[in-house]
């Protein structure tokens, strides 16, 4: 896809990040991953993100990512695939080029590793990633990598293939300033953990879509919530929030890292051999997995 084509696809519907499947030795489990991606691509999501945040990008080695992207691309059919990218600038450039070579339709630039950085450093970092590839790039404002409006505008002026902005800060004032300033120059993606909990606020701030982690294991419900949100059906949105998302949030909040581990548990409960999470994350306890099984029982495939 060209940068403008992936930009249009990103704004066309609900998005999601498939978990990365591991075997008993925590090696990439390609066969199970392909089956899962193929299942997800049958639902109404125009773009899936391989090796993203919910895909444990932070625990993958750089050499694993091209194989994960290739597997996703082969299994997804007509669904576009965006690859995670990150760490420092040199590794980021290598990852972006490898992902492009492996068939990725776009790049999501996740926060750089460990340190805080000044705006000028972030500007150069993002610019170098964009210049290293011909495919579209999205930036992810979160944690230690938060671009100001001025920095983002400079990047848009210099990087034609910068086509998307994803937010995980929850700073509605900042993101409304960004959407008001940049207009339709970018596609805007909500990226808070369990994004449905914030979807109404982000819609009001000018964001057209978001990435749904629970799409991994209850894709039909995730799509139903998205359609109700876009249709302005607040009653149905509140019903789904009460019946599913708030109870899921209670499980997710029991331990740090469960925003990923609970998603992977849900995938296993749907019959996919996704394996556990890699350290430094930890899996749900047996009791917590039983709680999750009860919650998702109405949406078992």
Protein backbone atom coordinates (compact mmCIF):
# COMPACT_ATOMS: atom_id res chain seq x y z
CA UNK A 1 0.00 0.00 0.00
CA UNK A 2 1.05 3.59 -0.57
CA UNK A 3 1.18 5.85 2.49
CA UNK A 4 -2.13 7.45 1.49
CA UNK A 5 -3.77 4.05 0.99
CA UNK A 6 -2.77 2.82 4.45
CA UNK A 7 -3.88 6.17 5.89
CA UNK A 8 -7.33 5.63 4.37
CA UNK A 9 -7.46 2.03 5.62
CA UNK A 10 -6.56 3.08 9.17
CA UNK A 11 -9.48 5.48 9.25
CA UNK A 12 -11.95 3.02 7.75
CA UNK A 13 -12.88 1.02 10.83
CA UNK A 14 -11.84 -0.74 14.02
CA UNK A 15 -8.18 -1.77 14.42
CA UNK A 16 -6.45 -4.41 16.52
CA UNK A 17 -3.09 -5.87 17.61
CA UNK A 18 -2.91 -9.68 17.48
CA UNK A 19 -0.93 -11.18 20.34
CA UNK A 20 2.30 -12.93 19.35
CA UNK A 21 1.99 -16.69 19.91
CA UNK A 22 4.76 -18.59 21.70
CA UNK A 23 5.35 -22.30 22.20
CA UNK A 24 6.32 -24.01 25.46
CA UNK A 25 9.90 -22.77 25.05
CA UNK A 26 8.71 -19.18 24.38
CA UNK A 27 9.66 -19.38 20.71
CA UNK A 28 7.42 -17.87 18.03
CA UNK A 29 4.58 -20.32 17.27
CA UNK A 30 3.95 -19.51 13.63
CA UNK A 31 1.22 -22.08 12.91
CA UNK A 32 -1.03 -21.02 15.80
CA UNK A 33 -0.38 -17.33 15.09
CA UNK A 34 -1.43 -17.73 11.46
CA UNK A 35 -4.67 -19.47 12.45
CA UNK A 36 -5.46 -16.68 14.89
CA UNK A 37 -4.72 -13.89 12.39
CA UNK A 38 -6.77 -15.68 9.73
CA UNK A 39 -9.73 -15.87 12.17
CA UNK A 40 -9.44 -12.19 13.07
CA UNK A 41 -9.21 -11.13 9.43
CA UNK A 42 -12.69 -12.55 8.91
CA UNK A 43 -14.15 -9.78 11.07
CA UNK A 44 -14.64 -6.13 10.23
CA UNK A 45 -11.16 -4.67 10.87
CA UNK A 46 -9.34 -3.07 7.93
CA UNK A 47 -5.88 -3.13 9.57
CA UNK A 48 -4.11 -5.47 12.00
CA UNK A 49 -0.83 -4.61 13.74
CA UNK A 50 1.82 -7.34 13.89
CA UNK A 51 4.35 -7.26 16.74
CA UNK A 52 2.67 -4.26 18.35
CA UNK A 53 2.27 -3.43 22.01
CA UNK A 54 -0.28 -6.17 22.71
CA UNK A 55 1.94 -8.39 20.53
CA UNK A 56 4.73 -7.98 23.13
CA UNK A 57 7.00 -5.92 20.87
CA UNK A 58 9.05 -5.00 23.94
CA UNK A 59 9.93 -8.66 24.59
CA UNK A 60 10.74 -9.63 20.99
CA UNK A 61 14.22 -9.64 19.51
CA UNK A 62 14.69 -7.52 16.37
CA UNK A 63 15.41 -10.62 14.29
CA UNK A 64 12.02 -12.15 15.21
CA UNK A 65 9.90 -9.27 13.93
CA UNK A 66 10.26 -9.79 10.15
CA UNK A 67 9.09 -13.40 10.48
CA UNK A 68 6.08 -12.33 12.53
CA UNK A 69 5.19 -9.68 9.95
CA UNK A 70 5.53 -12.18 7.10
CA UNK A 71 3.33 -14.72 8.89
CA UNK A 72 0.66 -12.07 9.56
CA UNK A 73 0.78 -10.85 5.98
CA UNK A 74 0.32 -14.35 4.58
CA UNK A 75 -2.56 -15.17 6.94
CA UNK A 76 -4.45 -11.88 6.77
CA UNK A 77 -5.71 -12.07 3.19
CA UNK A 78 -6.85 -8.62 2.11
CA UNK A 79 -6.46 -7.13 5.61
CA UNK A 80 -3.58 -4.63 5.76
CA UNK A 81 -0.71 -5.33 8.16
CA UNK A 82 1.21 -2.65 10.07
CA UNK A 83 4.41 -3.60 11.90
CA UNK A 84 5.58 -2.43 15.28
CA UNK A 85 8.89 -0.55 15.32
CA UNK A 86 10.86 1.12 18.07
CA UNK A 87 13.89 1.21 20.39
CA UNK A 88 16.65 3.69 19.51
CA UNK A 89 16.98 5.33 16.12
CA UNK A 90 19.58 2.95 14.64
CA UNK A 91 17.66 -0.19 15.61
CA UNK A 92 14.42 1.51 14.63
CA UNK A 93 15.68 2.20 11.11
CA UNK A 94 16.82 -1.42 10.74
CA UNK A 95 13.46 -2.70 11.99
CA UNK A 96 11.48 -0.38 9.72
CA UNK A 97 13.41 -1.49 6.65
CA UNK A 98 13.13 -5.17 7.58
CA UNK A 99 9.38 -4.84 8.13
CA UNK A 100 8.93 -3.11 4.79
CA UNK A 101 10.92 -5.87 3.09
CA UNK A 102 8.74 -8.47 4.83
CA UNK A 103 5.58 -6.99 3.33
CA UNK A 104 4.33 -4.59 6.00
CA UNK A 105 1.89 -1.99 4.69
CA UNK A 106 2.93 0.52 7.34
CA UNK A 107 4.94 1.16 10.51
CA UNK A 108 3.78 2.05 14.03
CA UNK A 109 6.63 3.76 15.84
CA UNK A 110 6.38 2.81 19.50
CA UNK A 111 8.08 4.81 22.28
CA UNK A 112 11.88 4.63 22.30
CA UNK A 113 13.67 2.67 24.96
CA UNK A 114 14.04 3.75 28.60
CA UNK A 115 15.21 7.37 28.51
CA UNK A 116 13.41 10.69 28.25
CA UNK A 117 14.42 12.82 25.28
CA UNK A 118 14.06 16.49 24.27
CA UNK A 119 11.68 17.48 21.49
CA UNK A 120 14.51 18.06 19.02
CA UNK A 121 15.81 14.54 19.65
CA UNK A 122 12.33 13.08 19.16
CA UNK A 123 11.98 15.10 15.95
CA UNK A 124 15.19 13.66 14.50
CA UNK A 125 14.28 10.13 15.69
CA UNK A 126 10.89 10.13 13.96
CA UNK A 127 12.24 11.86 10.86
CA UNK A 128 14.97 9.24 10.41
CA UNK A 129 12.49 6.37 10.69
CA UNK A 130 10.19 8.03 8.15
CA UNK A 131 13.04 8.67 5.73
CA UNK A 132 14.22 5.05 5.94
CA UNK A 133 11.10 3.58 4.31
CA UNK A 134 8.60 4.30 1.58
CA UNK A 135 5.56 2.99 3.47
CA UNK A 136 3.35 4.98 5.82
CA UNK A 137 4.43 5.68 9.41
CA UNK A 138 2.34 6.34 12.52
CA UNK A 139 3.74 7.82 15.72
CA UNK A 140 2.54 6.70 19.15
CA UNK A 141 2.38 9.44 21.81
CA UNK A 142 2.81 7.62 25.10
CA UNK A 143 4.95 7.39 28.23
CA UNK A 144 8.42 8.87 27.54
CA UNK A 145 7.74 9.73 23.88
CA UNK A 146 5.21 12.58 23.73
CA UNK A 147 5.43 14.95 20.78
CA UNK A 148 4.23 18.51 21.17
CA UNK A 149 1.97 20.12 18.58
CA UNK A 150 4.87 22.12 17.14
CA UNK A 151 7.13 19.07 16.82
CA UNK A 152 4.40 17.05 15.17
CA UNK A 153 3.69 19.87 12.71
CA UNK A 154 7.37 20.06 11.76
CA UNK A 155 7.43 16.32 11.17
CA UNK A 156 4.34 16.51 8.96
CA UNK A 157 6.00 19.26 6.93
CA UNK A 158 9.18 17.22 6.38
CA UNK A 159 7.85 13.65 6.21
CA UNK A 160 5.16 13.03 3.57
CA UNK A 161 4.83 9.40 4.66
CA UNK A 162 3.98 10.33 8.27
CA UNK A 163 0.27 9.59 8.01
CA UNK A 164 -0.97 8.66 11.47
CA UNK A 165 -0.99 9.75 15.10
CA UNK A 166 -1.86 7.35 17.91
CA UNK A 167 -2.38 8.57 21.46
CA UNK A 168 -1.94 6.70 24.72
CA UNK A 169 -1.54 9.67 27.04
CA UNK A 170 -5.19 10.36 27.80
CA UNK A 171 -4.40 14.08 27.67
CA UNK A 172 -7.59 15.26 25.96
CA UNK A 173 -6.45 18.89 25.93
CA UNK A 174 -3.26 18.03 24.02
CA UNK A 175 -4.89 15.68 21.54
CA UNK A 176 -7.71 18.13 20.80
CA UNK A 177 -5.10 20.78 20.07
CA UNK A 178 -3.36 18.32 17.74
CA UNK A 179 -6.52 17.38 15.84
CA UNK A 180 -7.56 21.03 15.56
CA UNK A 181 -4.11 22.05 14.30
CA UNK A 182 -3.31 19.15 11.95
CA UNK A 183 -6.82 18.52 10.64
CA UNK A 184 -7.02 15.80 8.02
CA UNK A 185 -3.25 15.76 7.46
CA UNK A 186 -3.18 12.72 9.79
CA UNK A 187 -5.40 9.82 10.73
CA UNK A 188 -5.99 9.76 14.50
CA UNK A 189 -6.02 6.51 16.49
CA UNK A 190 -6.99 6.02 20.13
CA UNK A 191 -4.40 3.92 21.94
CA UNK A 192 -5.23 3.84 25.63
CA UNK A 193 -5.16 0.39 27.28
CA UNK A 194 -8.62 -1.15 26.78
CA UNK A 195 -9.41 1.70 24.40
CA UNK A 196 -13.18 1.19 24.54
CA UNK A 197 -13.19 2.70 28.03
CA UNK A 198 -12.08 6.02 26.51
CA UNK A 199 -13.59 5.76 23.04
CA UNK A 200 -16.41 8.26 23.53
CA UNK A 201 -14.04 10.95 24.81
CA UNK A 202 -11.60 10.37 21.96
CA UNK A 203 -14.38 10.47 19.38
CA UNK A 204 -15.36 13.87 20.72
CA UNK A 205 -11.73 15.01 20.41
CA UNK A 206 -11.64 14.23 16.69
CA UNK A 207 -10.35 10.64 16.67
CA UNK A 208 -12.11 8.45 14.11
CA UNK A 209 -10.98 5.07 15.39
CA UNK A 210 -8.93 3.14 17.94
CA UNK A 211 -7.13 -0.16 18.41
CA UNK A 212 -9.10 -2.78 20.31
CA UNK A 213 -7.07 -5.30 22.32
CA UNK A 214 -10.13 -7.41 23.18
CA UNK A 215 -10.76 -7.87 19.44
CA UNK A 216 -8.14 -10.61 19.90
CA UNK A 217 -10.65 -12.89 21.60
CA UNK A 218 -14.14 -11.33 21.35
CA UNK A 219 -13.96 -9.71 17.91
CA UNK A 220 -17.71 -9.79 17.33
CA UNK A 221 -18.36 -7.87 20.55
CA UNK A 222 -15.55 -5.40 19.80
CA UNK A 223 -17.04 -4.67 16.38
CA UNK A 224 -20.54 -4.31 17.85
CA UNK A 225 -19.29 -1.73 20.36
CA UNK A 226 -17.45 0.19 17.64
CA UNK A 227 -20.52 0.30 15.41
CA UNK A 228 -22.73 1.42 18.30
CA UNK A 229 -20.23 4.16 19.12
CA UNK A 230 -20.08 5.41 15.55
CA UNK A 231 -23.87 5.31 15.26
CA UNK A 232 -24.28 7.38 18.44
CA UNK A 233 -26.08 4.52 20.19
CA UNK A 234 -25.04 5.49 23.69
CA UNK A 235 -27.49 3.11 25.37
CA UNK A 236 -25.91 0.07 23.70
CA UNK A 237 -22.40 1.34 24.40
CA UNK A 238 -23.23 1.66 28.09
CA UNK A 239 -24.72 -1.84 28.16
CA UNK A 240 -21.55 -3.35 26.71
CA UNK A 241 -19.36 -1.30 29.04
CA UNK A 242 -21.32 -2.55 32.07
CA UNK A 243 -21.63 -6.15 30.93
CA UNK A 244 -18.13 -6.70 29.62
CA UNK A 245 -15.59 -3.90 29.70
CA UNK A 246 -15.86 -2.80 33.33
CA UNK A 247 -15.67 -6.41 34.62
CA UNK A 248 -12.76 -7.02 32.26
CA UNK A 249 -11.07 -3.87 33.59
CA UNK A 250 -11.37 -5.27 37.13
CA UNK A 251 -9.44 -8.38 36.06
CA UNK A 252 -6.91 -6.36 34.06
CA UNK A 253 -6.19 -4.08 37.02
CA UNK A 254 -5.34 -6.89 39.44
CA UNK A 255 -1.66 -6.82 38.46
CA UNK A 256 0.72 -4.74 36.37
CA UNK A 257 1.13 -6.07 32.85
CA UNK A 258 -2.29 -7.71 32.72
CA UNK A 259 -3.31 -5.32 29.92
CA UNK A 260 -1.34 -7.78 27.76
CA UNK A 261 -1.50 -10.99 29.82
CA UNK A 262 -5.32 -10.90 30.13
CA UNK A 263 -5.65 -10.52 26.36
CA UNK A 264 -3.42 -13.52 25.78
CA UNK A 265 -5.42 -15.53 28.28
CA UNK A 266 -8.58 -14.65 26.37
CA UNK A 267 -7.01 -15.90 23.14
CA UNK A 268 -6.15 -19.21 24.79
CA UNK A 269 -9.69 -19.49 26.13
CA UNK A 270 -10.96 -19.15 22.57
CA UNK A 271 -9.00 -22.27 21.63
CA UNK A 272 -5.79 -20.87 20.17
CA UNK A 273 -2.44 -22.17 21.41
CA UNK A 274 -1.02 -18.71 22.02
CA UNK A 275 1.19 -19.71 24.93
CA UNK A 276 2.03 -17.45 27.84
CA UNK A 277 3.62 -14.03 27.99
CA UNK A 278 7.36 -13.55 28.08
CA UNK A 279 9.14 -12.05 31.09
CA UNK A 280 9.10 -9.46 32.52
CA UNK A 281 5.33 -9.96 32.25
CA UNK A 282 3.51 -12.72 34.10
CA UNK A 283 0.39 -14.72 33.24
CA UNK A 284 -2.97 -14.68 34.99
CA UNK A 285 -3.44 -17.07 37.88
CA UNK A 286 -5.75 -20.07 37.41
CA UNK A 287 -8.43 -18.31 39.46
CA UNK A 288 -8.18 -15.15 37.36
CA UNK A 289 -8.34 -17.17 34.14
CA UNK A 290 -11.52 -18.81 35.44
CA UNK A 291 -12.96 -15.35 36.08
CA UNK A 292 -12.14 -14.37 32.51
CA UNK A 293 -13.63 -17.60 31.14
CA UNK A 294 -16.91 -16.85 32.89
CA UNK A 295 -16.94 -13.31 31.53
CA UNK A 296 -16.39 -14.30 27.89
CA UNK A 297 -18.60 -17.41 27.92
CA UNK A 298 -21.44 -15.67 25.99
CA UNK A 299 -18.99 -14.91 23.16
CA UNK A 300 -17.23 -18.27 22.85
CA UNK A 301 -16.55 -19.19 19.26
